[in-house]
PDB file of N, CA and C in Angstrom:
ATOM      1  N   MET A   1     236.200 250.425 145.586  1.00  0.00           N
ATOM      2  CA  MET A   1     237.090 250.182 146.697  1.00  0.00           C
ATOM      3  C   MET A   1     238.447 250.797 146.392  1.00  0.00           C
ATOM      4  N   GLU A   2     238.759 251.757 147.123  1.00  0.00           N
ATOM      5  CA  GLU A   2     240.059 252.392 146.967  1.00  0.00           C
ATOM      6  C   GLU A   2     240.992 251.904 148.057  1.00  0.00           C
ATOM      7  N   MET A   3     242.237 251.706 147.660  1.00  0.00           N
ATOM      8  CA  MET A   3     243.237 251.258 148.632  1.00  0.00           C
ATOM      9  C   MET A   3     243.799 252.458 149.374  1.00  0.00           C
ATOM     10  N   VAL A   4     243.938 252.283 150.632  1.00  0.00           N
ATOM     11  CA  VAL A   4     244.509 253.345 151.450  1.00  0.00           C
ATOM     12  C   VAL A   4     245.977 253.014 151.685  1.00  0.00           C
ATOM     13  N   GLY A   5     246.870 253.891 151.294  1.00  0.00           N
ATOM     14  CA  GLY A   5     248.296 253.664 151.502  1.00  0.00           C
ATOM     15  C   GLY A   5     248.904 252.833 150.389  1.00  0.00           C
ATOM     16  N   ASN A   6     250.165 252.744 150.394  1.00  0.00           N
ATOM     17  CA  ASN A   6     250.911 251.999 149.387  1.00  0.00           C
ATOM     18  C   ASN A   6     251.195 250.585 149.907  1.00  0.00           C
ATOM     19  N   PRO A   7     250.696 249.525 149.255  1.00  0.00           N
ATOM     20  CA  PRO A   7     250.947 248.169 149.754  1.00  0.00           C
ATOM     21  C   PRO A   7     252.398 247.724 149.546  1.00  0.00           C
ATOM     22  N   PHE A   8     253.121 248.393 148.670  1.00  0.00           N
ATOM     23  CA  PHE A   8     254.502 248.014 148.399  1.00  0.00           C
ATOM     24  C   PHE A   8     255.497 248.902 149.136  1.00  0.00           C
ATOM     25  N   LYS A   9     255.065 249.500 150.201  1.00  0.00           N
ATOM     26  CA  LYS A   9     255.911 250.395 150.974  1.00  0.00           C
ATOM     27  C   LYS A   9     257.070 249.608 151.589  1.00  0.00           C
ATOM     28  N   LYS A  10     258.259 250.160 151.501  1.00  0.00           N
ATOM     29  CA  LYS A  10     259.430 249.484 152.042  1.00  0.00           C
ATOM     30  C   LYS A  10     259.370 249.501 153.570  1.00  0.00           C
ATOM     31  N   THR A  11     259.720 248.381 154.132  1.00  0.00           N
ATOM     32  CA  THR A  11     259.750 248.277 155.589  1.00  0.00           C
ATOM     33  C   THR A  11     261.177 248.040 156.041  1.00  0.00           C
ATOM     34  N   LYS A  12     261.425 248.306 157.299  1.00  0.00           N
ATOM     35  CA  LYS A  12     262.758 248.077 157.846  1.00  0.00           C
ATOM     36  C   LYS A  12     262.962 246.584 158.039  1.00  0.00           C
ATOM     37  N   ARG A  13     264.174 246.162 157.824  1.00  0.00           N
ATOM     38  CA  ARG A  13     264.504 244.766 158.061  1.00  0.00           C
ATOM     39  C   ARG A  13     265.817 244.695 158.813  1.00  0.00           C
ATOM     40  N   ALA A  14     266.129 243.548 159.296  1.00  0.00           N
ATOM     41  CA  ALA A  14     267.338 243.376 160.093  1.00  0.00           C
ATOM     42  C   ALA A  14     268.571 243.634 159.238  1.00  0.00           C
ATOM     43  N   LEU A  15     269.638 244.106 159.884  1.00  0.00           N
ATOM     44  CA  LEU A  15     270.865 244.395 159.157  1.00  0.00           C
ATOM     45  C   LEU A  15     271.556 243.131 158.676  1.00  0.00           C
ATOM     46  N   SER A  16     271.398 242.050 159.409  1.00  0.00           N
ATOM     47  CA  SER A  16     272.046 240.804 159.003  1.00  0.00           C
ATOM     48  C   SER A  16     270.985 239.738 158.756  1.00  0.00           C
ATOM     49  N   ASN A  17     271.278 238.880 157.832  1.00  0.00           N
ATOM     50  CA  ASN A  17     270.364 237.807 157.485  1.00  0.00           C
ATOM     51  C   ASN A  17     271.061 236.482 157.773  1.00  0.00           C
ATOM     52  N   LYS A  18     271.399 236.249 159.028  1.00  0.00           N
ATOM     53  CA  LYS A  18     272.144 235.054 159.413  1.00  0.00           C
ATOM     54  C   LYS A  18     271.235 234.081 160.136  1.00  0.00           C
ATOM     55  N   CYS A  19     271.487 232.827 159.892  1.00  0.00           N
ATOM     56  CA  CYS A  19     270.761 231.771 160.589  1.00  0.00           C
ATOM     57  C   CYS A  19     271.515 231.481 161.884  1.00  0.00           C
ATOM     58  N   ILE A  20     270.885 231.713 163.002  1.00  0.00           N
ATOM     59  CA  ILE A  20     271.557 231.560 164.292  1.00  0.00           C
ATOM     60  C   ILE A  20     271.356 230.157 164.846  1.00  0.00           C
ATOM     61  N   TYR A  21     270.242 229.549 164.604  1.00  0.00           N
ATOM     62  CA  TYR A  21     269.910 228.257 165.180  1.00  0.00           C
ATOM     63  C   TYR A  21     269.904 227.196 164.088  1.00  0.00           C
ATOM     64  N   PHE A  22     270.660 226.139 164.290  1.00  0.00           N
ATOM     65  CA  PHE A  22     270.719 225.034 163.343  1.00  0.00           C
ATOM     66  C   PHE A  22     270.009 223.838 163.966  1.00  0.00           C
ATOM     67  N   PRO A  23     268.773 223.568 163.619  1.00  0.00           N
ATOM     68  CA  PRO A  23     268.032 222.511 164.299  1.00  0.00           C
ATOM     69  C   PRO A  23     268.487 221.103 163.952  1.00  0.00           C
ATOM     70  N   ALA A  24     269.176 220.904 162.854  1.00  0.00           N
ATOM     71  CA  ALA A  24     269.525 219.551 162.438  1.00  0.00           C
ATOM     72  C   ALA A  24     270.848 219.066 163.014  1.00  0.00           C
ATOM     73  N   VAL A  25     271.615 219.939 163.625  1.00  0.00           N
ATOM     74  CA  VAL A  25     272.933 219.558 164.125  1.00  0.00           C
ATOM     75  C   VAL A  25     272.800 218.983 165.525  1.00  0.00           C
ATOM     76  N   ILE A  26     273.409 217.821 165.738  1.00  0.00           N
ATOM     77  CA  ILE A  26     273.455 217.228 167.065  1.00  0.00           C
ATOM     78  C   ILE A  26     274.533 217.968 167.848  1.00  0.00           C
ATOM     79  N   ARG A  27     274.198 218.421 169.045  1.00  0.00           N
ATOM     80  CA  ARG A  27     275.101 219.290 169.790  1.00  0.00           C
ATOM     81  C   ARG A  27     276.472 218.649 170.027  1.00  0.00           C
ATOM     82  N   ARG A  28     276.521 217.386 170.429  1.00  0.00           N
ATOM     83  CA  ARG A  28     277.809 216.742 170.674  1.00  0.00           C
ATOM     84  C   ARG A  28     278.576 216.501 169.383  1.00  0.00           C
ATOM     85  N   LEU A  29     277.877 216.471 168.282  1.00  0.00           N
ATOM     86  CA  LEU A  29     278.503 216.224 166.991  1.00  0.00           C
ATOM     87  C   LEU A  29     279.141 217.482 166.418  1.00  0.00           C
ATOM     88  N   LYS A  30     278.760 218.648 166.938  1.00  0.00           N
ATOM     89  CA  LYS A  30     279.296 219.908 166.440  1.00  0.00           C
ATOM     90  C   LYS A  30     280.801 220.016 166.641  1.00  0.00           C
ATOM     91  N   ASP A  31     281.300 219.470 167.751  1.00  0.00           N
ATOM     92  CA  ASP A  31     282.709 219.616 168.092  1.00  0.00           C
ATOM     93  C   ASP A  31     283.618 218.661 167.323  1.00  0.00           C
ATOM     94  N   LEU A  32     283.059 217.645 166.701  1.00  0.00           N
ATOM     95  CA  LEU A  32     283.879 216.680 165.968  1.00  0.00           C
ATOM     96  C   LEU A  32     284.293 217.264 164.619  1.00  0.00           C
ATOM     97  N   THR A  33     285.562 217.090 164.282  1.00  0.00           N
ATOM     98  CA  THR A  33     286.060 217.641 163.023  1.00  0.00           C
ATOM     99  C   THR A  33     286.514 216.560 162.052  1.00  0.00           C
ATOM    100  N   GLU A  34     286.943 215.425 162.552  1.00  0.00           N
ATOM    101  CA  GLU A  34     287.394 214.336 161.685  1.00  0.00           C
ATOM    102  C   GLU A  34     286.188 213.596 161.112  1.00  0.00           C
ATOM    103  N   ILE A  35     286.265 213.259 159.841  1.00  0.00           N
ATOM    104  CA  ILE A  35     285.146 212.592 159.167  1.00  0.00           C
ATOM    105  C   ILE A  35     284.897 211.210 159.762  1.00  0.00           C
ATOM    106  N   LEU A  36     285.969 210.499 160.095  1.00  0.00           N
ATOM    107  CA  LEU A  36     285.810 209.153 160.653  1.00  0.00           C
ATOM    108  C   LEU A  36     285.123 209.203 162.019  1.00  0.00           C
ATOM    109  N   ASN A  37     285.448 210.193 162.841  1.00  0.00           N
ATOM    110  CA  ASN A  37     284.792 210.324 164.143  1.00  0.00           C
ATOM    111  C   ASN A  37     283.307 210.624 163.985  1.00  0.00           C
ATOM    112  N   ILE A  38     282.959 211.448 163.017  1.00  0.00           N
ATOM    113  CA  ILE A  38     281.551 211.752 162.756  1.00  0.00           C
ATOM    114  C   ILE A  38     280.823 210.495 162.286  1.00  0.00           C
ATOM    115  N   TRP A  39     281.466 209.733 161.412  1.00  0.00           N
ATOM    116  CA  TRP A  39     280.886 208.487 160.905  1.00  0.00           C
ATOM    117  C   TRP A  39     280.631 207.513 162.048  1.00  0.00           C
ATOM    118  N   LYS A  40     281.624 207.361 162.939  1.00  0.00           N
ATOM    119  CA  LYS A  40     281.475 206.441 164.065  1.00  0.00           C
ATOM    120  C   LYS A  40     280.405 206.923 165.045  1.00  0.00           C
ATOM    121  N   TYR A  41     280.226 208.241 165.152  1.00  0.00           N
ATOM    122  CA  TYR A  41     279.206 208.775 166.052  1.00  0.00           C
ATOM    123  C   TYR A  41     277.802 208.555 165.493  1.00  0.00           C
ATOM    124  N   LEU A  42     277.642 208.670 164.196  1.00  0.00           N
ATOM    125  CA  LEU A  42     276.320 208.510 163.590  1.00  0.00           C
ATOM    126  C   LEU A  42     275.902 207.050 163.480  1.00  0.00           C
ATOM    127  N   ILE A  43     276.845 206.168 163.153  1.00  0.00           N
ATOM    128  CA  ILE A  43     276.555 204.739 163.065  1.00  0.00           C
ATOM    129  C   ILE A  43     276.864 204.136 164.429  1.00  0.00           C
ATOM    130  N   THR A  44     275.878 204.076 165.285  1.00  0.00           N
ATOM    131  CA  THR A  44     276.084 203.623 166.658  1.00  0.00           C
ATOM    132  C   THR A  44     276.021 202.099 166.744  1.00  0.00           C
ATOM    133  N   TYR A  45     276.355 201.594 167.923  1.00  0.00           N
ATOM    134  CA  TYR A  45     276.321 200.156 168.143  1.00  0.00           C
ATOM    135  C   TYR A  45     274.891 199.626 168.051  1.00  0.00           C
ATOM    136  N   CYS A  46     273.927 200.444 168.419  1.00  0.00           N
ATOM    137  CA  CYS A  46     272.516 200.040 168.330  1.00  0.00           C
ATOM    138  C   CYS A  46     272.113 199.795 166.875  1.00  0.00           C
ATOM    139  N   ILE A  47     272.570 200.635 165.979  1.00  0.00           N
ATOM    140  CA  ILE A  47     272.279 200.466 164.552  1.00  0.00           C
ATOM    141  C   ILE A  47     272.955 199.204 164.030  1.00  0.00           C
ATOM    142  N   ILE A  48     274.197 198.985 164.442  1.00  0.00           N
ATOM    143  CA  ILE A  48     274.930 197.792 163.997  1.00  0.00           C
ATOM    144  C   ILE A  48     274.245 196.530 164.513  1.00  0.00           C
ATOM    145  N   GLU A  49     273.786 196.542 165.768  1.00  0.00           N
ATOM    146  CA  GLU A  49     273.076 195.386 166.315  1.00  0.00           C
ATOM    147  C   GLU A  49     271.791 195.107 165.536  1.00  0.00           C
ATOM    148  N   SER A  50     271.097 196.145 165.138  1.00  0.00           N
ATOM    149  CA  SER A  50     269.874 195.972 164.352  1.00  0.00           C
ATOM    150  C   SER A  50     270.186 195.344 162.990  1.00  0.00           C
ATOM    151  N   ILE A  51     271.265 195.792 162.363  1.00  0.00           N
ATOM    152  CA  ILE A  51     271.670 195.224 161.071  1.00  0.00           C
ATOM    153  C   ILE A  51     272.061 193.762 161.238  1.00  0.00           C
ATOM    154  N   ILE A  52     272.786 193.447 162.323  1.00  0.00           N
ATOM    155  CA  ILE A  52     273.202 192.063 162.583  1.00  0.00           C
ATOM    156  C   ILE A  52     271.984 191.170 162.765  1.00  0.00           C
ATOM    157  N   LYS A  53     271.008 191.634 163.537  1.00  0.00           N
ATOM    158  CA  LYS A  53     269.812 190.829 163.805  1.00  0.00           C
ATOM    159  C   LYS A  53     269.042 190.551 162.519  1.00  0.00           C
ATOM    160  N   ASP A  54     268.842 191.574 161.701  1.00  0.00           N
ATOM    161  CA  ASP A  54     268.091 191.395 160.457  1.00  0.00           C
ATOM    162  C   ASP A  54     268.845 190.529 159.453  1.00  0.00           C
ATOM    163  N   THR A  55     270.162 190.716 159.380  1.00  0.00           N
ATOM    164  CA  THR A  55     270.961 189.911 158.451  1.00  0.00           C
ATOM    165  C   THR A  55     270.972 188.452 158.866  1.00  0.00           C
ATOM    166  N   SER A  56     271.117 188.197 160.169  1.00  0.00           N
ATOM    167  CA  SER A  56     271.132 186.814 160.649  1.00  0.00           C
ATOM    168  C   SER A  56     269.785 186.133 160.437  1.00  0.00           C
ATOM    169  N   SER A  57     268.693 186.867 160.620  1.00  0.00           N
ATOM    170  CA  SER A  57     267.378 186.255 160.383  1.00  0.00           C
ATOM    171  C   SER A  57     267.177 185.942 158.901  1.00  0.00           C
ATOM    172  N   PHE A  58     267.722 186.793 158.020  1.00  0.00           N
ATOM    173  CA  PHE A  58     267.628 186.520 156.582  1.00  0.00           C
ATOM    174  C   PHE A  58     268.450 185.287 156.214  1.00  0.00           C
ATOM    175  N   ILE A  59     269.625 185.155 156.817  1.00  0.00           N
ATOM    176  CA  ILE A  59     270.474 183.992 156.535  1.00  0.00           C
ATOM    177  C   ILE A  59     269.814 182.723 157.061  1.00  0.00           C
ATOM    178  N   CYS A  60     269.197 182.793 158.242  1.00  0.00           N
ATOM    179  CA  CYS A  60     268.534 181.616 158.811  1.00  0.00           C
ATOM    180  C   CYS A  60     267.365 181.152 157.948  1.00  0.00           C
ATOM    181  N   SER A  61     266.710 182.081 157.281  1.00  0.00           N
ATOM    182  CA  SER A  61     265.582 181.683 156.437  1.00  0.00           C
ATOM    183  C   SER A  61     266.038 180.895 155.210  1.00  0.00           C
ATOM    184  N   GLY A  62     267.273 181.070 154.781  1.00  0.00           N
ATOM    185  CA  GLY A  62     267.761 180.343 153.616  1.00  0.00           C
ATOM    186  C   GLY A  62     268.747 179.243 153.941  1.00  0.00           C
ATOM    187  N   LYS A  63     268.941 178.940 155.226  1.00  0.00           N
ATOM    188  CA  LYS A  63     269.913 177.926 155.638  1.00  0.00           C
ATOM    189  C   LYS A  63     269.549 176.523 155.160  1.00  0.00           C
ATOM    190  N   LEU A  64     268.290 176.231 155.072  1.00  0.00           N
ATOM    191  CA  LEU A  64     267.871 174.878 154.712  1.00  0.00           C
ATOM    192  C   LEU A  64     268.202 174.531 153.268  1.00  0.00           C
ATOM    193  N   SER A  65     268.403 175.528 152.434  1.00  0.00           N
ATOM    194  CA  SER A  65     268.696 175.242 151.033  1.00  0.00           C
ATOM    195  C   SER A  65     270.174 174.910 150.810  1.00  0.00           C
ATOM    196  N   TYR A  66     271.007 175.053 151.832  1.00  0.00           N
ATOM    197  CA  TYR A  66     272.429 174.715 151.709  1.00  0.00           C
ATOM    198  C   TYR A  66     272.686 173.323 152.276  1.00  0.00           C
ATOM    199  N   TYR A  67     273.584 172.609 151.634  1.00  0.00           N
ATOM    200  CA  TYR A  67     273.920 171.255 152.076  1.00  0.00           C
ATOM    201  C   TYR A  67     274.830 171.313 153.301  1.00  0.00           C
ATOM    202  N   ARG A  68     275.835 172.199 153.259  1.00  0.00           N
ATOM    203  CA  ARG A  68     276.764 172.330 154.387  1.00  0.00           C
ATOM    204  C   ARG A  68     276.401 173.572 155.202  1.00  0.00           C
ATOM    205  N   THR A  69     276.544 173.466 156.515  1.00  0.00           N
ATOM    206  CA  THR A  69     276.146 174.581 157.379  1.00  0.00           C
ATOM    207  C   THR A  69     277.137 175.733 157.331  1.00  0.00           C
ATOM    208  N   LYS A  70     278.380 175.476 156.948  1.00  0.00           N
ATOM    209  CA  LYS A  70     279.351 176.576 156.934  1.00  0.00           C
ATOM    210  C   LYS A  70     279.127 177.526 155.756  1.00  0.00           C
ATOM    211  N   ASN A  71     278.314 177.130 154.791  1.00  0.00           N
ATOM    212  CA  ASN A  71     277.998 178.021 153.677  1.00  0.00           C
ATOM    213  C   ASN A  71     277.020 179.121 154.081  1.00  0.00           C
ATOM    214  N   ALA A  72     276.309 178.917 155.173  1.00  0.00           N
ATOM    215  CA  ALA A  72     275.348 179.924 155.635  1.00  0.00           C
ATOM    216  C   ALA A  72     275.548 180.151 157.133  1.00  0.00           C
ATOM    217  N   ARG A  73     276.583 180.904 157.477  1.00  0.00           N
ATOM    218  CA  ARG A  73     276.859 181.219 158.883  1.00  0.00           C
ATOM    219  C   ARG A  73     276.253 182.572 159.243  1.00  0.00           C
ATOM    220  N   ASP A  74     275.930 182.732 160.517  1.00  0.00           N
ATOM    221  CA  ASP A  74     275.409 184.016 160.993  1.00  0.00           C
ATOM    222  C   ASP A  74     276.518 185.062 160.971  1.00  0.00           C
ATOM    223  N   THR A  75     276.119 186.321 160.880  1.00  0.00           N
ATOM    224  CA  THR A  75     277.094 187.409 160.861  1.00  0.00           C
ATOM    225  C   THR A  75     277.400 187.853 162.285  1.00  0.00           C
ATOM    226  N   ASN A  76     278.486 188.599 162.417  1.00  0.00           N
ATOM    227  CA  ASN A  76     278.819 189.184 163.712  1.00  0.00           C
ATOM    228  C   ASN A  76     279.132 190.662 163.524  1.00  0.00           C
ATOM    229  N   GLY A  77     279.418 191.338 164.616  1.00  0.00           N
ATOM    230  CA  GLY A  77     279.635 192.779 164.582  1.00  0.00           C
ATOM    231  C   GLY A  77     280.845 193.190 163.776  1.00  0.00           C
ATOM    232  N   ALA A  78     281.897 192.378 163.804  1.00  0.00           N
ATOM    233  CA  ALA A  78     283.122 192.729 163.077  1.00  0.00           C
ATOM    234  C   ALA A  78     282.883 192.745 161.571  1.00  0.00           C
ATOM    235  N   GLU A  79     282.103 191.794 161.068  1.00  0.00           N
ATOM    236  CA  GLU A  79     281.822 191.752 159.630  1.00  0.00           C
ATOM    237  C   GLU A  79     280.994 192.960 159.188  1.00  0.00           C
ATOM    238  N   ILE A  80     279.987 193.303 159.977  1.00  0.00           N
ATOM    239  CA  ILE A  80     279.129 194.434 159.617  1.00  0.00           C
ATOM    240  C   ILE A  80     279.909 195.739 159.688  1.00  0.00           C
ATOM    241  N   GLU A  81     280.742 195.908 160.731  1.00  0.00           N
ATOM    242  CA  GLU A  81     281.557 197.123 160.833  1.00  0.00           C
ATOM    243  C   GLU A  81     282.541 197.215 159.673  1.00  0.00           C
ATOM    244  N   ALA A  82     283.099 196.083 159.249  1.00  0.00           N
ATOM    245  CA  ALA A  82     284.026 196.091 158.115  1.00  0.00           C
ATOM    246  C   ALA A  82     283.314 196.522 156.831  1.00  0.00           C
ATOM    247  N   ILE A  83     282.116 196.013 156.613  1.00  0.00           N
ATOM    248  CA  ILE A  83     281.351 196.408 155.418  1.00  0.00           C
ATOM    249  C   ILE A  83     281.022 197.898 155.458  1.00  0.00           C
ATOM    250  N   LEU A  84     280.579 198.389 156.614  1.00  0.00           N
ATOM    251  CA  LEU A  84     280.238 199.811 156.727  1.00  0.00           C
ATOM    252  C   LEU A  84     281.471 200.692 156.556  1.00  0.00           C
ATOM    253  N   ASP A  85     282.621 200.243 157.078  1.00  0.00           N
ATOM    254  CA  ASP A  85     283.856 201.014 156.902  1.00  0.00           C
ATOM    255  C   ASP A  85     284.297 201.036 155.444  1.00  0.00           C
ATOM    256  N   LEU A  86     284.093 199.936 154.734  1.00  0.00           N
ATOM    257  CA  LEU A  86     284.424 199.926 153.309  1.00  0.00           C
ATOM    258  C   LEU A  86     283.507 200.866 152.524  1.00  0.00           C
ATOM    259  N   HIS A  87     282.248 200.916 152.902  1.00  0.00           N
ATOM    260  CA  HIS A  87     281.341 201.887 152.270  1.00  0.00           C
ATOM    261  C   HIS A  87     281.792 203.311 152.562  1.00  0.00           C
ATOM    262  N   TYR A  88     282.254 203.534 153.780  1.00  0.00           N
ATOM    263  CA  TYR A  88     282.779 204.854 154.154  1.00  0.00           C
ATOM    264  C   TYR A  88     283.982 205.211 153.288  1.00  0.00           C
ATOM    265  N   LEU A  89     284.924 204.276 153.140  1.00  0.00           N
ATOM    266  CA  LEU A  89     286.112 204.535 152.323  1.00  0.00           C
ATOM    267  C   LEU A  89     285.745 204.787 150.867  1.00  0.00           C
ATOM    268  N   ALA A  90     284.796 204.039 150.361  1.00  0.00           N
ATOM    269  CA  ALA A  90     284.374 204.241 148.971  1.00  0.00           C
ATOM    270  C   ALA A  90     283.766 205.624 148.788  1.00  0.00           C
ATOM    271  N   GLY A  91     283.052 206.114 149.782  1.00  0.00           N
ATOM    272  CA  GLY A  91     282.452 207.431 149.677  1.00  0.00           C
ATOM    273  C   GLY A  91     283.453 208.555 149.841  1.00  0.00           C
ATOM    274  N   VAL A  92     284.446 208.364 150.716  1.00  0.00           N
ATOM    275  CA  VAL A  92     285.426 209.423 150.971  1.00  0.00           C
ATOM    276  C   VAL A  92     286.384 209.579 149.804  1.00  0.00           C
ATOM    277  N   TYR A  93     286.865 208.475 149.283  1.00  0.00           N
ATOM    278  CA  TYR A  93     287.875 208.560 148.237  1.00  0.00           C
ATOM    279  C   TYR A  93     287.291 208.731 146.839  1.00  0.00           C
ATOM    280  N   HIS A  94     285.996 208.521 146.672  1.00  0.00           N
ATOM    281  CA  HIS A  94     285.310 208.709 145.381  1.00  0.00           C
ATOM    282  C   HIS A  94     286.050 208.002 144.240  1.00  0.00           C
ATOM    283  N   ARG A  95     286.480 206.820 144.481  1.00  0.00           N
ATOM    284  CA  ARG A  95     287.182 206.055 143.442  1.00  0.00           C
ATOM    285  C   ARG A  95     286.178 205.491 142.447  1.00  0.00           C
ATOM    286  N   ASN A  96     286.682 205.104 141.311  1.00  0.00           N
ATOM    287  CA  ASN A  96     285.834 204.498 140.282  1.00  0.00           C
ATOM    288  C   ASN A  96     285.749 202.999 140.511  1.00  0.00           C
ATOM    289  N   ARG A  97     285.262 202.636 141.644  1.00  0.00           N
ATOM    290  CA  ARG A  97     285.130 201.223 141.992  1.00  0.00           C
ATOM    291  C   ARG A  97     283.687 200.789 141.764  1.00  0.00           C
ATOM    292  N   VAL A  98     283.551 199.576 141.288  1.00  0.00           N
ATOM    293  CA  VAL A  98     282.218 199.062 141.021  1.00  0.00           C
ATOM    294  C   VAL A  98     281.646 198.392 142.262  1.00  0.00           C
ATOM    295  N   ASN A  99     282.470 197.637 142.987  1.00  0.00           N
ATOM    296  CA  ASN A  99     281.978 196.904 144.146  1.00  0.00           C
ATOM    297  C   ASN A  99     283.009 196.941 145.277  1.00  0.00           C
ATOM    298  N   LEU A 100     282.632 196.389 146.422  1.00  0.00           N
ATOM    299  CA  LEU A 100     283.506 196.437 147.593  1.00  0.00           C
ATOM    300  C   LEU A 100     284.661 195.456 147.502  1.00  0.00           C
ATOM    301  N   GLU A 101     284.573 194.454 146.644  1.00  0.00           N
ATOM    302  CA  GLU A 101     285.666 193.492 146.509  1.00  0.00           C
ATOM    303  C   GLU A 101     286.920 194.152 145.948  1.00  0.00           C
ATOM    304  N   GLU A 102     286.754 195.201 145.152  1.00  0.00           N
ATOM    305  CA  GLU A 102     287.912 195.881 144.575  1.00  0.00           C
ATOM    306  C   GLU A 102     288.623 196.773 145.578  1.00  0.00           C
ATOM    307  N   LEU A 103     287.951 197.151 146.651  1.00  0.00           N
ATOM    308  CA  LEU A 103     288.605 197.959 147.671  1.00  0.00           C
ATOM    309  C   LEU A 103     289.512 197.088 148.488  1.00  0.00           C
TER     310      LEU A 103
END
C-alpha cells in the first residue's frame, strides 16, 4: 500500500485565531463592570430564598433539643445576605482571616 500525496502537507488557515463567541457569558452580565454588581446579579433573590428555606428547615429539626426557643430562631433574608456579603468581602480583599467573625 503506497500513500498517494503527502499527509503532512501544509494547509491554509485563518489569519486570526480569535474566539468570537463566548457561550458562558450571560448577555446582561457583560455590561456590568463593578464586582459588587456582578455578585448581586449572580446571587439572585431566588437563590437566597432557597438558602433561607433549607437553613430554616435544618434549624427546625434541631429546635426540640433547645430549652429556650430564642436559641433556635429561623433565619431571614437579611442574615443570609449579610453572610454572603461577608464571604464576598473575604474573597475580594484576600485577607488572612480564618473565619467570618474576624471580619
